[in-house]
Amino acid sequence: MHEYSIVASLVERVGQIAADHPRAVVRRIHVRIGDRAGVERVLLQTAYDTFRARSVCEHADLAIEAVAGDELILQRVEMEVPDV
């Protein structure tokens, strides 16, 4: 299943983004998946649930927006800086 490799790359990219904000906690990741992208949303969610453990995405929900087309885009990463 290539969904696992997609999620591995997604988690790595989110880690790179989060590294620029060391105190922030990733809370939600938004992706857009085209109906012709060749990605099964349910399998992507299952892969994400597996890969996020013990990663920067551990506490982040995955929001998947289905769109027309063949795109697969990391649209937005929501982070929160906890109170000290």
Protein backbone atom coordinates (compact mmCIF):
# COMPACT_ATOMS: atom_id res chain seq x y z
CA MET A 1 0.00 0.00 0.00
CA HIS A 2 1.53 3.26 -1.07
CA GLU A 3 -0.61 5.10 1.47
CA TYR A 4 1.96 4.12 4.11
CA SER A 5 4.80 5.71 2.17
CA ILE A 6 2.67 8.81 1.59
CA VAL A 7 2.01 9.10 5.32
CA ALA A 8 5.68 8.50 6.15
CA SER A 9 6.58 11.44 3.89
CA LEU A 10 3.75 13.52 5.35
CA VAL A 11 4.90 12.94 8.93
CA GLU A 12 8.48 13.77 7.92
CA ARG A 13 7.37 17.03 6.25
CA VAL A 14 5.26 18.05 9.24
CA GLY A 15 8.29 17.35 11.44
CA GLN A 16 10.34 19.75 9.31
CA ILE A 17 7.68 22.43 9.64
CA ALA A 18 7.35 21.88 13.40
CA ALA A 19 11.13 22.10 13.85
CA ASP A 20 10.86 25.82 13.04
CA HIS A 21 8.55 26.19 16.06
CA PRO A 22 10.19 24.16 18.85
CA ARG A 23 7.60 24.87 21.57
CA ALA A 24 4.58 24.24 19.36
CA VAL A 25 2.46 21.11 19.40
CA VAL A 26 0.92 19.94 16.13
CA ARG A 27 -2.86 19.72 16.58
CA ARG A 28 -4.30 19.16 13.09
CA ILE A 29 -3.04 18.40 9.62
CA HIS A 30 -5.16 19.25 6.59
CA VAL A 31 -4.67 17.44 3.28
CA ARG A 32 -6.55 17.62 -0.02
CA ILE A 33 -6.94 14.43 -2.03
CA GLY A 34 -8.27 14.40 -5.56
CA ASP A 35 -10.66 11.70 -6.61
CA ARG A 36 -8.18 10.62 -9.30
CA ALA A 37 -5.07 10.74 -7.08
CA GLY A 38 -5.03 6.97 -6.62
CA VAL A 39 -5.18 7.27 -2.83
CA GLU A 40 -7.76 5.53 -0.69
CA ARG A 41 -8.83 7.92 2.07
CA VAL A 42 -9.66 5.15 4.54
CA LEU A 43 -6.27 3.51 4.01
CA LEU A 44 -4.54 6.88 4.33
CA GLN A 45 -6.30 7.50 7.65
CA THR A 46 -5.37 4.01 8.89
CA ALA A 47 -1.74 4.54 7.87
CA TYR A 48 -1.72 7.94 9.59
CA ASP A 49 -3.11 6.47 12.81
CA THR A 50 -0.25 3.94 12.75
CA PHE A 51 2.58 6.32 11.84
CA ARG A 52 1.72 9.22 14.12
CA ALA A 53 2.55 7.34 17.32
CA ARG A 54 5.73 8.66 18.89
CA SER A 55 6.10 11.37 16.25
CA VAL A 56 5.52 15.10 16.10
CA CYS A 57 2.02 14.21 14.84
CA GLU A 58 1.13 12.10 17.86
CA HIS A 59 -1.52 14.55 19.12
CA ALA A 60 -2.68 15.76 15.71
CA ASP A 61 -5.88 14.87 13.92
CA LEU A 62 -5.84 14.34 10.17
CA ALA A 63 -8.45 16.26 8.19
CA ILE A 64 -8.95 14.96 4.67
CA GLU A 65 -10.76 17.06 2.08
CA ALA A 66 -11.91 15.20 -1.02
CA VAL A 67 -11.67 17.28 -4.19
CA ALA A 68 -11.93 16.74 -7.92
CA GLY A 69 -8.68 16.10 -9.74
CA ASP A 70 -5.48 14.18 -9.22
CA GLU A 71 -3.82 16.29 -6.54
CA LEU A 72 -2.55 15.28 -3.14
CA ILE A 73 -1.64 18.40 -1.17
CA LEU A 74 -0.56 19.14 2.38
CA GLN A 75 -2.78 22.15 2.74
CA ARG A 76 -2.21 23.32 6.31
CA VAL A 77 -0.59 22.35 9.61
CA GLU A 78 -2.21 23.76 12.75
CA MET A 79 0.06 24.15 15.76
CA GLU A 80 -0.45 25.45 19.27
CA VAL A 81 2.08 26.81 21.72
CA PRO A 82 1.16 25.57 25.20
CA ASP A 83 1.06 28.02 28.12
CA VAL A 84 4.16 27.94 30.25
